[in-house]
């Protein structure tokens, strides 16, 4: 039996990490053997990518981020999948397609760099009010130049993630775009649990009831 691979992505400060933790708990209660992880990783590569955005730009940073992703796959994600775990990753390919493109890197180059990455069973992209997202990101501490943009930067990031949801779907990635609106993190996680079950089935072996290439909840 092989594991399953779930990704949560979206703009900084939208609540990904909180929702990922809540959703992981719900899935564990439902019987899944859950393995949580994130990108950039806490390895030397990942920490350099996370905290080195003032030192590295454009193609250099894109290659660094992707190197961290391949190392992540080789040393953590694939072994967990081989052990039949449900891997839930906070940030993945969508982040590269948004941030590296905002950093001036051509989309085709980003896709070429990531051509050998594993395809998630489902990518969930969260979006929300950009002003709130930026405020939350600032409150927890800004460590990346991508978070220091002007008033329109948050809206630009949100729009880009919505575009990337379509781009991923067109490339064959199952995607669910979810606007959190006024929902609490617990409400978001509960609603996402339903979507995950539709795509992945259940831990006890129930088959998926449906799999849309790109679904949109608002």
N, C-alpha and C. Protein backbone atom coordinates (compact mmCIF):
# COMPACT_ATOMS: atom_id res chain seq x y z
N UNK A 1 0.85 -1.19 0.00
CA UNK A 1 0.00 0.00 0.00
C UNK A 1 0.88 1.24 0.00
N UNK A 2 0.63 2.17 -0.89
CA UNK A 2 1.39 3.41 -0.93
C UNK A 2 0.64 4.51 -0.20
N UNK A 3 1.38 5.53 0.20
CA UNK A 3 0.76 6.64 0.91
C UNK A 3 0.10 7.61 -0.04
N UNK A 4 -0.37 8.70 0.54
CA UNK A 4 -1.00 9.77 -0.23
C UNK A 4 -0.31 11.09 0.10
N UNK A 5 -0.39 12.00 -0.84
CA UNK A 5 0.38 13.25 -0.75
C UNK A 5 -0.57 14.43 -0.91
N UNK A 6 -0.67 15.24 0.14
CA UNK A 6 -1.56 16.39 0.19
C UNK A 6 -0.73 17.65 0.44
N UNK A 7 -1.04 18.72 -0.29
CA UNK A 7 -0.32 19.99 -0.15
C UNK A 7 -1.30 21.10 0.17
N UNK A 8 -0.93 21.97 1.11
CA UNK A 8 -1.65 23.22 1.36
C UNK A 8 -0.72 24.37 1.01
N UNK A 9 -1.23 25.29 0.22
CA UNK A 9 -0.40 26.40 -0.24
C UNK A 9 -1.23 27.67 -0.22
N UNK A 10 -0.59 28.79 -0.48
CA UNK A 10 -1.30 30.06 -0.51
C UNK A 10 -0.42 31.20 -0.03
N UNK A 11 -0.94 32.42 -0.06
CA UNK A 11 -0.16 33.60 0.32
C UNK A 11 0.32 33.56 1.77
N UNK A 12 1.39 34.25 2.04
CA UNK A 12 1.89 34.36 3.41
C UNK A 12 0.85 35.01 4.31
N UNK A 13 0.64 34.43 5.49
CA UNK A 13 -0.28 35.00 6.45
C UNK A 13 -1.72 34.60 6.27
N UNK A 14 -2.03 33.77 5.28
CA UNK A 14 -3.43 33.39 5.04
C UNK A 14 -3.92 32.37 6.07
N UNK A 15 -2.99 31.72 6.76
CA UNK A 15 -3.38 30.75 7.79
C UNK A 15 -3.05 29.31 7.44
N UNK A 16 -2.16 29.09 6.49
CA UNK A 16 -1.83 27.73 6.04
C UNK A 16 -1.35 26.84 7.17
N UNK A 17 -0.40 27.33 7.95
CA UNK A 17 0.21 26.49 8.97
C UNK A 17 -0.80 26.08 10.02
N UNK A 18 -1.64 27.01 10.45
CA UNK A 18 -2.68 26.69 11.43
C UNK A 18 -3.67 25.69 10.87
N UNK A 19 -4.14 25.93 9.66
CA UNK A 19 -5.12 25.03 9.04
C UNK A 19 -4.49 23.66 8.77
N UNK A 20 -3.23 23.64 8.36
CA UNK A 20 -2.55 22.37 8.12
C UNK A 20 -2.52 21.52 9.39
N UNK A 21 -2.21 22.14 10.52
CA UNK A 21 -2.17 21.41 11.79
C UNK A 21 -3.55 20.89 12.17
N UNK A 22 -4.57 21.72 12.00
CA UNK A 22 -5.94 21.31 12.35
C UNK A 22 -6.42 20.20 11.43
N UNK A 23 -6.15 20.33 10.14
CA UNK A 23 -6.57 19.31 9.19
C UNK A 23 -5.83 17.99 9.45
N UNK A 24 -4.56 18.08 9.79
CA UNK A 24 -3.79 16.87 10.11
C UNK A 24 -4.40 16.15 11.30
N UNK A 25 -4.83 16.90 12.31
CA UNK A 25 -5.46 16.29 13.48
C UNK A 25 -6.78 15.61 13.10
N UNK A 26 -7.57 16.27 12.26
CA UNK A 26 -8.84 15.68 11.83
C UNK A 26 -8.62 14.40 11.04
N UNK A 27 -7.63 14.40 10.18
CA UNK A 27 -7.34 13.21 9.37
C UNK A 27 -6.79 12.09 10.24
N UNK A 28 -6.00 12.43 11.26
CA UNK A 28 -5.51 11.41 12.19
C UNK A 28 -6.67 10.78 12.95
N UNK A 29 -7.62 11.62 13.37
CA UNK A 29 -8.81 11.11 14.05
C UNK A 29 -9.62 10.20 13.14
N UNK A 30 -9.52 10.45 11.84
CA UNK A 30 -10.26 9.66 10.85
C UNK A 30 -9.54 8.37 10.49
N UNK A 31 -8.37 8.16 11.08
CA UNK A 31 -7.67 6.89 10.87
C UNK A 31 -6.42 6.94 10.03
N UNK A 32 -6.08 8.12 9.50
CA UNK A 32 -4.89 8.23 8.67
C UNK A 32 -3.64 8.29 9.53
N UNK A 33 -2.56 7.70 9.04
CA UNK A 33 -1.24 7.84 9.65
C UNK A 33 -0.60 9.07 9.00
N UNK A 34 -0.65 10.19 9.68
CA UNK A 34 -0.32 11.49 9.08
C UNK A 34 1.13 11.87 9.37
N UNK A 35 1.78 12.37 8.35
CA UNK A 35 3.14 12.92 8.48
C UNK A 35 3.11 14.37 7.99
N UNK A 36 3.33 15.33 8.89
CA UNK A 36 3.33 16.75 8.53
C UNK A 36 4.74 17.21 8.19
N UNK A 37 4.83 18.07 7.19
CA UNK A 37 6.11 18.63 6.81
C UNK A 37 5.89 19.99 6.16
N UNK A 38 6.97 20.66 5.77
CA UNK A 38 6.81 22.00 5.21
C UNK A 38 8.00 22.35 4.32
N UNK A 39 7.81 23.38 3.52
CA UNK A 39 8.88 23.96 2.71
C UNK A 39 8.87 25.47 2.88
N UNK A 40 10.05 26.09 2.89
CA UNK A 40 11.36 25.47 2.89
C UNK A 40 11.55 24.58 4.12
N UNK A 41 12.40 23.57 4.00
CA UNK A 41 12.62 22.64 5.10
C UNK A 41 13.51 23.28 6.16
N UNK A 42 13.73 22.52 7.23
CA UNK A 42 14.62 23.00 8.29
C UNK A 42 16.05 22.48 8.11
N UNK A 43 16.35 22.00 6.90
CA UNK A 43 17.72 21.61 6.59
C UNK A 43 18.55 22.85 6.28
N UNK A 44 19.85 22.63 6.08
CA UNK A 44 20.72 23.77 5.73
C UNK A 44 20.27 24.42 4.43
N UNK A 45 19.88 23.60 3.45
CA UNK A 45 19.38 24.14 2.19
C UNK A 45 18.12 24.98 2.41
N UNK A 46 17.19 24.40 3.17
CA UNK A 46 15.92 25.09 3.40
C UNK A 46 16.07 26.38 4.17
N UNK A 47 16.91 26.36 5.21
CA UNK A 47 17.11 27.57 6.00
C UNK A 47 17.78 28.66 5.17
N UNK A 48 18.67 28.26 4.27
CA UNK A 48 19.30 29.24 3.39
C UNK A 48 18.26 29.86 2.46
N UNK A 49 17.36 29.03 1.94
CA UNK A 49 16.30 29.54 1.07
C UNK A 49 15.35 30.45 1.83
N UNK A 50 15.02 30.08 3.07
CA UNK A 50 14.05 30.84 3.87
C UNK A 50 14.60 32.20 4.28
N UNK A 51 15.84 32.22 4.75
CA UNK A 51 16.38 33.45 5.32
C UNK A 51 17.37 34.17 4.40
N UNK A 52 17.58 33.64 3.20
CA UNK A 52 18.57 34.22 2.32
C UNK A 52 18.00 35.01 1.15
N UNK A 53 16.75 35.44 1.26
CA UNK A 53 16.13 36.12 0.12
C UNK A 53 16.73 37.51 -0.14
N UNK A 54 17.44 38.06 0.84
CA UNK A 54 18.12 39.33 0.58
C UNK A 54 19.46 39.12 -0.11
N UNK A 55 19.98 37.90 -0.01
CA UNK A 55 21.28 37.59 -0.61
C UNK A 55 21.16 36.92 -1.97
N UNK A 56 20.07 36.19 -2.16
CA UNK A 56 19.89 35.43 -3.41
C UNK A 56 18.63 35.90 -4.12
N UNK A 57 18.71 35.99 -5.43
CA UNK A 57 17.60 36.52 -6.22
C UNK A 57 17.43 35.71 -7.51
N UNK A 58 16.27 35.89 -8.12
CA UNK A 58 16.04 35.37 -9.46
C UNK A 58 16.38 33.90 -9.64
N UNK A 59 17.19 33.61 -10.66
CA UNK A 59 17.52 32.23 -11.00
C UNK A 59 18.24 31.51 -9.87
N UNK A 60 19.11 32.22 -9.17
CA UNK A 60 19.86 31.60 -8.07
C UNK A 60 18.91 31.11 -6.98
N UNK A 61 17.99 31.97 -6.56
CA UNK A 61 17.05 31.59 -5.51
C UNK A 61 16.11 30.49 -5.99
N UNK A 62 15.68 30.57 -7.25
CA UNK A 62 14.79 29.53 -7.79
C UNK A 62 15.47 28.17 -7.76
N UNK A 63 16.74 28.12 -8.12
CA UNK A 63 17.48 26.86 -8.09
C UNK A 63 17.68 26.37 -6.66
N UNK A 64 17.92 27.29 -5.74
CA UNK A 64 18.11 26.93 -4.33
C UNK A 64 16.83 26.33 -3.75
N UNK A 65 15.70 26.97 -4.01
CA UNK A 65 14.41 26.49 -3.52
C UNK A 65 14.11 25.10 -4.09
N UNK A 66 14.38 24.91 -5.37
CA UNK A 66 14.09 23.63 -6.00
C UNK A 66 15.03 22.54 -5.49
N UNK A 67 16.29 22.88 -5.23
CA UNK A 67 17.22 21.91 -4.66
C UNK A 67 16.72 21.43 -3.30
N UNK A 68 16.22 22.36 -2.49
CA UNK A 68 15.64 21.99 -1.20
C UNK A 68 14.45 21.06 -1.40
N UNK A 69 13.65 21.31 -2.42
CA UNK A 69 12.47 20.47 -2.68
C UNK A 69 12.87 19.04 -3.06
N UNK A 70 13.86 18.89 -3.92
CA UNK A 70 14.30 17.55 -4.31
C UNK A 70 14.91 16.80 -3.12
N UNK A 71 15.68 17.51 -2.30
CA UNK A 71 16.23 16.89 -1.10
C UNK A 71 15.11 16.48 -0.15
N UNK A 72 14.11 17.33 -0.04
CA UNK A 72 12.95 17.05 0.81
C UNK A 72 12.24 15.79 0.34
N UNK A 73 12.03 15.68 -0.97
CA UNK A 73 11.37 14.50 -1.53
C UNK A 73 12.19 13.24 -1.25
N UNK A 74 13.48 13.33 -1.47
CA UNK A 74 14.34 12.15 -1.36
C UNK A 74 14.48 11.66 0.07
N UNK A 75 14.61 12.59 1.01
CA UNK A 75 14.94 12.20 2.38
C UNK A 75 13.74 12.10 3.31
N UNK A 76 12.61 12.72 2.95
CA UNK A 76 11.47 12.73 3.88
C UNK A 76 10.15 12.33 3.24
N UNK A 77 9.76 12.99 2.15
CA UNK A 77 8.42 12.75 1.60
C UNK A 77 8.29 11.35 1.02
N UNK A 78 9.20 10.96 0.15
CA UNK A 78 9.10 9.63 -0.48
C UNK A 78 9.21 8.49 0.53
N UNK A 79 10.12 8.55 1.51
CA UNK A 79 10.13 7.50 2.53
C UNK A 79 8.81 7.41 3.31
N UNK A 80 8.21 8.56 3.62
CA UNK A 80 6.93 8.55 4.33
C UNK A 80 5.83 7.95 3.46
N UNK A 81 5.82 8.28 2.18
CA UNK A 81 4.84 7.70 1.27
C UNK A 81 5.04 6.19 1.14
N UNK A 82 6.29 5.76 1.09
CA UNK A 82 6.59 4.33 1.00
C UNK A 82 6.13 3.58 2.25
N UNK A 83 6.05 4.30 3.37
CA UNK A 83 5.57 3.71 4.63
C UNK A 83 4.06 3.85 4.77
N UNK A 84 3.38 4.19 3.66
CA UNK A 84 1.91 4.28 3.60
C UNK A 84 1.34 5.39 4.47
N UNK A 85 2.10 6.46 4.65
CA UNK A 85 1.61 7.59 5.42
C UNK A 85 0.90 8.60 4.50
N UNK A 86 0.04 9.40 5.11
CA UNK A 86 -0.55 10.55 4.43
C UNK A 86 0.35 11.75 4.72
N UNK A 87 1.07 12.19 3.72
CA UNK A 87 1.98 13.32 3.89
C UNK A 87 1.23 14.62 3.61
N UNK A 88 1.29 15.54 4.56
CA UNK A 88 0.68 16.86 4.39
C UNK A 88 1.81 17.89 4.42
N UNK A 89 1.98 18.59 3.31
CA UNK A 89 3.09 19.54 3.17
C UNK A 89 2.57 20.97 3.10
N UNK A 90 3.12 21.82 3.95
CA UNK A 90 2.81 23.25 3.99
C UNK A 90 3.75 23.95 3.02
N UNK A 91 3.25 24.32 1.86
CA UNK A 91 3.96 24.93 0.72
C UNK A 91 4.64 23.86 -0.13
N UNK A 92 4.57 24.11 -1.46
CA UNK A 92 5.20 23.18 -2.41
C UNK A 92 5.36 23.91 -3.74
N UNK A 93 5.02 23.28 -4.82
CA UNK A 93 5.29 23.82 -6.15
C UNK A 93 4.60 25.16 -6.41
N UNK A 94 3.36 25.33 -5.93
CA UNK A 94 2.64 26.58 -6.18
C UNK A 94 3.41 27.79 -5.67
N UNK A 95 4.07 27.64 -4.54
CA UNK A 95 4.87 28.75 -4.00
C UNK A 95 5.96 29.17 -4.97
N UNK A 96 6.63 28.19 -5.59
CA UNK A 96 7.66 28.53 -6.57
C UNK A 96 7.07 29.24 -7.77
N UNK A 97 5.92 28.74 -8.24
CA UNK A 97 5.30 29.33 -9.42
C UNK A 97 4.82 30.76 -9.17
N UNK A 98 4.57 31.08 -7.90
CA UNK A 98 4.17 32.45 -7.56
C UNK A 98 5.39 33.32 -7.25
N UNK A 99 6.15 32.95 -6.23
CA UNK A 99 7.21 33.83 -5.73
C UNK A 99 8.38 33.95 -6.70
N UNK A 100 8.79 32.84 -7.30
CA UNK A 100 9.92 32.94 -8.23
C UNK A 100 9.54 33.75 -9.48
N UNK A 101 8.29 33.63 -9.87
CA UNK A 101 7.84 34.43 -11.02
C UNK A 101 7.79 35.91 -10.65
N UNK A 102 7.34 36.21 -9.43
CA UNK A 102 7.36 37.60 -8.97
C UNK A 102 8.80 38.11 -8.86
N UNK A 103 9.75 37.18 -8.76
CA UNK A 103 11.16 37.53 -8.65
C UNK A 103 11.82 37.60 -10.03
N UNK A 104 11.00 37.56 -11.08
CA UNK A 104 11.52 37.76 -12.43
C UNK A 104 11.93 36.51 -13.18
N UNK A 105 11.63 35.33 -12.62
CA UNK A 105 12.01 34.08 -13.28
C UNK A 105 10.90 33.64 -14.23
N UNK A 106 11.28 33.22 -15.42
CA UNK A 106 10.31 32.78 -16.42
C UNK A 106 9.61 31.50 -15.95
N UNK A 107 8.29 31.44 -16.19
CA UNK A 107 7.51 30.30 -15.76
C UNK A 107 7.97 28.98 -16.35
N UNK A 108 8.37 28.99 -17.61
CA UNK A 108 8.84 27.76 -18.25
C UNK A 108 10.10 27.23 -17.57
N UNK A 109 10.95 28.14 -17.11
CA UNK A 109 12.16 27.71 -16.41
C UNK A 109 11.80 27.08 -15.07
N UNK A 110 10.82 27.66 -14.37
CA UNK A 110 10.39 27.11 -13.08
C UNK A 110 9.83 25.70 -13.28
N UNK A 111 8.99 25.54 -14.30
CA UNK A 111 8.44 24.21 -14.60
C UNK A 111 9.55 23.24 -14.96
N UNK A 112 10.53 23.69 -15.72
CA UNK A 112 11.64 22.81 -16.11
C UNK A 112 12.43 22.36 -14.88
N UNK A 113 12.69 23.29 -13.96
CA UNK A 113 13.40 22.93 -12.74
C UNK A 113 12.64 21.87 -11.94
N UNK A 114 11.32 21.96 -11.96
CA UNK A 114 10.49 21.10 -11.12
C UNK A 114 9.90 19.91 -11.88
N UNK A 115 10.45 19.60 -13.05
CA UNK A 115 9.84 18.56 -13.88
C UNK A 115 9.88 17.17 -13.25
N UNK A 116 10.78 16.95 -12.28
CA UNK A 116 10.89 15.63 -11.68
C UNK A 116 10.30 15.55 -10.27
N UNK A 117 9.61 16.59 -9.82
CA UNK A 117 9.02 16.54 -8.49
C UNK A 117 7.79 15.65 -8.49
N UNK A 118 7.46 15.09 -7.34
CA UNK A 118 6.28 14.23 -7.22
C UNK A 118 5.01 15.07 -7.31
N UNK A 119 4.00 14.51 -7.95
CA UNK A 119 2.73 15.20 -8.11
C UNK A 119 1.82 14.87 -6.93
N UNK A 120 1.36 15.87 -6.17
CA UNK A 120 0.46 15.59 -5.05
C UNK A 120 -0.87 14.99 -5.52
N UNK A 121 -1.48 14.20 -4.64
CA UNK A 121 -2.82 13.70 -4.91
C UNK A 121 -3.84 14.83 -4.88
N UNK A 122 -3.55 15.87 -4.10
CA UNK A 122 -4.41 17.05 -4.05
C UNK A 122 -3.59 18.24 -3.56
N UNK A 123 -3.71 19.36 -4.26
CA UNK A 123 -3.14 20.63 -3.82
C UNK A 123 -4.29 21.55 -3.43
N UNK A 124 -4.30 21.99 -2.19
CA UNK A 124 -5.30 22.94 -1.70
C UNK A 124 -4.64 24.31 -1.63
N UNK A 125 -5.20 25.28 -2.30
CA UNK A 125 -4.67 26.64 -2.27
C UNK A 125 -5.66 27.53 -1.51
N UNK A 126 -5.20 28.07 -0.40
CA UNK A 126 -6.03 28.96 0.41
C UNK A 126 -5.79 30.40 -0.02
N UNK A 127 -6.86 31.16 -0.12
CA UNK A 127 -6.74 32.60 -0.35
C UNK A 127 -7.62 33.32 0.66
N UNK A 128 -7.37 34.60 0.84
CA UNK A 128 -8.15 35.38 1.78
C UNK A 128 -7.88 36.85 1.58
N UNK A 129 -8.45 37.66 2.46
CA UNK A 129 -8.26 39.09 2.36
C UNK A 129 -6.77 39.44 2.47
N UNK A 130 -6.19 40.08 1.46
CA UNK A 130 -4.74 40.32 1.46
C UNK A 130 -4.28 41.24 2.58
N UNK A 131 -5.13 42.19 3.00
CA UNK A 131 -4.74 43.08 4.09
C UNK A 131 -4.57 42.30 5.39
N UNK A 132 -5.51 41.40 5.66
CA UNK A 132 -5.41 40.57 6.87
C UNK A 132 -4.20 39.65 6.79
N UNK A 133 -4.00 39.06 5.62
CA UNK A 133 -2.87 38.14 5.46
C UNK A 133 -1.55 38.85 5.71
N UNK A 134 -1.39 40.03 5.14
CA UNK A 134 -0.15 40.79 5.33
C UNK A 134 0.05 41.17 6.79
N UNK A 135 -1.04 41.53 7.47
CA UNK A 135 -0.95 41.91 8.88
C UNK A 135 -0.52 40.72 9.73
N UNK A 136 -1.08 39.53 9.45
CA UNK A 136 -0.69 38.34 10.20
C UNK A 136 0.77 37.98 9.94
N UNK A 137 1.19 38.08 8.69
CA UNK A 137 2.58 37.77 8.35
C UNK A 137 3.54 38.72 9.07
N UNK A 138 3.18 40.01 9.12
CA UNK A 138 4.02 41.00 9.79
C UNK A 138 4.08 40.75 11.29
N UNK A 139 2.94 40.34 11.87
CA UNK A 139 2.87 40.12 13.31
C UNK A 139 3.77 38.98 13.77
N UNK A 140 3.94 37.98 12.92
CA UNK A 140 4.77 36.85 13.33
C UNK A 140 6.25 37.06 13.00
N UNK A 141 6.57 38.16 12.29
CA UNK A 141 7.96 38.47 11.98
C UNK A 141 8.28 38.25 10.52
N UNK A 142 8.79 39.29 9.87
CA UNK A 142 9.10 39.21 8.45
C UNK A 142 10.56 38.80 8.27
N UNK A 143 10.78 37.70 7.54
CA UNK A 143 12.15 37.23 7.30
C UNK A 143 12.46 37.16 5.81
N UNK A 144 11.53 37.57 4.96
CA UNK A 144 11.72 37.46 3.52
C UNK A 144 11.38 38.77 2.84
N UNK A 145 12.15 39.13 1.83
CA UNK A 145 11.85 40.37 1.09
C UNK A 145 10.52 40.26 0.35
N UNK A 146 10.03 39.04 0.11
CA UNK A 146 8.74 38.88 -0.55
C UNK A 146 7.59 39.39 0.31
N UNK A 147 7.83 39.54 1.61
CA UNK A 147 6.79 39.99 2.53
C UNK A 147 6.86 41.49 2.80
N UNK A 148 7.79 42.19 2.14
CA UNK A 148 7.98 43.61 2.43
C UNK A 148 7.42 44.51 1.34
N UNK A 149 6.59 43.99 0.48
CA UNK A 149 6.05 44.77 -0.63
C UNK A 149 5.13 45.88 -0.16
N UNK A 150 4.77 46.75 -1.09
CA UNK A 150 3.87 47.85 -0.79
C UNK A 150 2.43 47.39 -0.63
N UNK A 151 1.50 48.36 -0.56
CA UNK A 151 0.10 48.05 -0.30
C UNK A 151 -0.51 47.07 -1.31
N UNK A 152 -0.05 47.09 -2.54
CA UNK A 152 -0.64 46.22 -3.56
C UNK A 152 -0.02 44.85 -3.65
N UNK A 153 1.05 44.61 -2.88
CA UNK A 153 1.77 43.34 -3.00
C UNK A 153 0.92 42.15 -2.57
N UNK A 154 0.15 42.33 -1.50
CA UNK A 154 -0.69 41.24 -1.02
C UNK A 154 -1.75 40.83 -2.02
N UNK A 155 -2.37 41.83 -2.64
CA UNK A 155 -3.38 41.55 -3.66
C UNK A 155 -2.75 40.87 -4.87
N UNK A 156 -1.56 41.31 -5.24
CA UNK A 156 -0.87 40.70 -6.38
C UNK A 156 -0.56 39.23 -6.09
N UNK A 157 -0.10 38.96 -4.87
CA UNK A 157 0.21 37.58 -4.50
C UNK A 157 -1.05 36.72 -4.52
N UNK A 158 -2.14 37.26 -3.99
CA UNK A 158 -3.40 36.51 -3.98
C UNK A 158 -3.86 36.19 -5.40
N UNK A 159 -3.82 37.18 -6.27
CA UNK A 159 -4.24 36.97 -7.66
C UNK A 159 -3.36 35.94 -8.35
N UNK A 160 -2.07 36.00 -8.05
CA UNK A 160 -1.15 35.06 -8.69
C UNK A 160 -1.43 33.63 -8.25
N UNK A 161 -1.76 33.44 -6.98
CA UNK A 161 -2.09 32.08 -6.51
C UNK A 161 -3.35 31.55 -7.20
N UNK A 162 -4.33 32.41 -7.40
CA UNK A 162 -5.54 31.99 -8.11
C UNK A 162 -5.21 31.58 -9.54
N UNK A 163 -4.31 32.32 -10.18
CA UNK A 163 -3.89 31.96 -11.54
C UNK A 163 -3.11 30.65 -11.55
N UNK A 164 -2.28 30.45 -10.54
CA UNK A 164 -1.48 29.22 -10.47
C UNK A 164 -2.37 28.00 -10.22
N UNK A 165 -3.47 28.19 -9.50
CA UNK A 165 -4.40 27.08 -9.31
C UNK A 165 -4.89 26.55 -10.65
N UNK A 166 -5.22 27.46 -11.55
CA UNK A 166 -5.66 27.08 -12.89
C UNK A 166 -4.50 26.46 -13.67
N UNK A 167 -3.34 27.06 -13.54
CA UNK A 167 -2.15 26.56 -14.24
C UNK A 167 -1.82 25.13 -13.83
N UNK A 168 -1.88 24.85 -12.53
CA UNK A 168 -1.61 23.50 -12.05
C UNK A 168 -2.66 22.51 -12.55
N UNK A 169 -3.92 22.94 -12.51
CA UNK A 169 -4.99 22.06 -12.99
C UNK A 169 -4.81 21.72 -14.46
N UNK A 170 -4.42 22.71 -15.24
CA UNK A 170 -4.21 22.47 -16.67
C UNK A 170 -3.03 21.53 -16.92
N UNK A 171 -2.11 21.47 -15.95
CA UNK A 171 -0.97 20.56 -16.05
C UNK A 171 -1.29 19.18 -15.48
N UNK A 172 -2.53 18.98 -15.04
CA UNK A 172 -2.95 17.68 -14.56
C UNK A 172 -2.89 17.48 -13.06
N UNK A 173 -2.66 18.55 -12.30
CA UNK A 173 -2.62 18.46 -10.85
C UNK A 173 -4.03 18.64 -10.29
N UNK A 174 -4.55 17.72 -9.48
CA UNK A 174 -5.83 17.96 -8.80
C UNK A 174 -5.69 19.15 -7.84
N UNK A 175 -6.54 20.15 -7.98
CA UNK A 175 -6.41 21.39 -7.22
C UNK A 175 -7.76 21.79 -6.65
N UNK A 176 -7.74 22.30 -5.42
CA UNK A 176 -8.93 22.88 -4.81
C UNK A 176 -8.57 24.27 -4.31
N UNK A 177 -9.22 25.29 -4.82
CA UNK A 177 -8.99 26.68 -4.42
C UNK A 177 -10.06 27.08 -3.41
N UNK A 178 -9.62 27.51 -2.23
CA UNK A 178 -10.56 27.80 -1.15
C UNK A 178 -10.33 29.21 -0.61
N UNK A 179 -11.33 30.07 -0.74
CA UNK A 179 -11.29 31.42 -0.16
C UNK A 179 -11.84 31.33 1.25
N UNK A 180 -11.02 31.67 2.25
CA UNK A 180 -11.44 31.47 3.63
C UNK A 180 -12.49 32.48 4.07
N UNK A 181 -12.59 33.62 3.41
CA UNK A 181 -13.61 34.60 3.76
C UNK A 181 -13.56 34.96 5.23
N UNK A 182 -14.70 34.75 5.92
CA UNK A 182 -14.79 35.05 7.35
C UNK A 182 -14.70 33.79 8.20
N UNK A 183 -14.34 32.67 7.60
CA UNK A 183 -14.29 31.42 8.34
C UNK A 183 -13.15 31.40 9.36
N UNK A 184 -13.39 30.71 10.47
CA UNK A 184 -12.33 30.47 11.44
C UNK A 184 -11.44 29.34 10.93
N UNK A 185 -10.22 29.21 11.46
CA UNK A 185 -9.37 28.10 11.03
C UNK A 185 -10.03 26.74 11.22
N UNK A 186 -10.77 26.56 12.31
CA UNK A 186 -11.45 25.28 12.54
C UNK A 186 -12.52 25.02 11.48
N UNK A 187 -13.22 26.06 11.08
CA UNK A 187 -14.24 25.91 10.04
C UNK A 187 -13.60 25.58 8.70
N UNK A 188 -12.48 26.22 8.41
CA UNK A 188 -11.78 25.94 7.15
C UNK A 188 -11.32 24.48 7.14
N UNK A 189 -10.70 24.04 8.23
CA UNK A 189 -10.20 22.66 8.29
C UNK A 189 -11.32 21.65 8.14
N UNK A 190 -12.47 21.90 8.79
CA UNK A 190 -13.59 20.98 8.69
C UNK A 190 -14.12 20.90 7.27
N UNK A 191 -14.17 22.02 6.59
CA UNK A 191 -14.65 22.03 5.21
C UNK A 191 -13.65 21.35 4.27
N UNK A 192 -12.37 21.58 4.52
CA UNK A 192 -11.35 20.95 3.69
C UNK A 192 -11.32 19.44 3.88
N UNK A 193 -11.65 18.98 5.09
CA UNK A 193 -11.69 17.54 5.34
C UNK A 193 -12.66 16.85 4.39
N UNK A 194 -13.78 17.49 4.13
CA UNK A 194 -14.77 16.94 3.20
C UNK A 194 -14.17 16.82 1.81
N UNK A 195 -13.48 17.87 1.37
CA UNK A 195 -12.87 17.86 0.04
C UNK A 195 -11.78 16.79 -0.06
N UNK A 196 -10.98 16.66 0.99
CA UNK A 196 -9.92 15.65 0.98
C UNK A 196 -10.51 14.26 0.86
N UNK A 197 -11.59 13.99 1.59
CA UNK A 197 -12.23 12.67 1.51
C UNK A 197 -12.79 12.40 0.12
N UNK A 198 -13.29 13.44 -0.52
CA UNK A 198 -13.82 13.27 -1.88
C UNK A 198 -12.73 12.80 -2.84
N UNK A 199 -11.52 13.29 -2.61
CA UNK A 199 -10.41 12.99 -3.53
C UNK A 199 -9.63 11.75 -3.09
N UNK A 200 -9.34 11.64 -1.80
CA UNK A 200 -8.48 10.57 -1.31
C UNK A 200 -9.24 9.36 -0.81
N UNK A 201 -10.55 9.47 -0.57
CA UNK A 201 -11.27 8.39 0.08
C UNK A 201 -11.03 8.46 1.58
N UNK A 202 -11.02 7.31 2.25
CA UNK A 202 -10.81 7.26 3.69
C UNK A 202 -9.65 6.35 4.01
N UNK A 203 -9.18 6.44 5.24
CA UNK A 203 -8.04 5.63 5.66
C UNK A 203 -8.35 4.15 5.66
N UNK A 204 -9.62 3.79 5.80
CA UNK A 204 -9.99 2.37 5.86
C UNK A 204 -10.19 1.77 4.48
N UNK A 205 -9.87 2.55 3.44
CA UNK A 205 -9.86 1.97 2.10
C UNK A 205 -11.02 2.34 1.21
N UNK A 206 -11.93 3.18 1.67
CA UNK A 206 -13.04 3.61 0.82
C UNK A 206 -12.50 4.36 -0.38
N UNK A 207 -13.04 4.08 -1.56
CA UNK A 207 -12.56 4.72 -2.77
C UNK A 207 -13.04 6.17 -2.85
N UNK A 208 -12.27 7.03 -3.50
CA UNK A 208 -12.70 8.41 -3.70
C UNK A 208 -14.03 8.47 -4.43
N UNK A 209 -14.85 9.44 -4.07
CA UNK A 209 -16.15 9.58 -4.73
C UNK A 209 -16.10 10.55 -5.88
N UNK A 210 -15.00 11.28 -6.02
CA UNK A 210 -14.89 12.22 -7.13
C UNK A 210 -13.57 12.94 -7.07
N UNK A 211 -13.10 13.39 -8.23
CA UNK A 211 -11.82 14.11 -8.27
C UNK A 211 -11.88 15.14 -9.38
N UNK A 212 -12.07 16.39 -8.99
CA UNK A 212 -12.12 17.46 -9.99
C UNK A 212 -10.71 17.96 -10.26
N UNK A 213 -10.47 18.35 -11.49
CA UNK A 213 -9.15 18.88 -11.83
C UNK A 213 -8.89 20.17 -11.08
N UNK A 214 -9.91 21.02 -10.98
CA UNK A 214 -9.76 22.26 -10.23
C UNK A 214 -11.12 22.64 -9.69
N UNK A 215 -11.27 22.65 -8.36
CA UNK A 215 -12.52 23.06 -7.75
C UNK A 215 -12.30 24.36 -7.02
N UNK A 216 -13.36 25.11 -6.85
CA UNK A 216 -13.26 26.45 -6.29
C UNK A 216 -14.33 26.60 -5.23
N UNK A 217 -13.92 26.93 -4.01
CA UNK A 217 -14.87 27.19 -2.93
C UNK A 217 -14.69 28.62 -2.48
N UNK A 218 -15.78 29.35 -2.33
CA UNK A 218 -15.68 30.73 -1.89
C UNK A 218 -16.78 31.02 -0.89
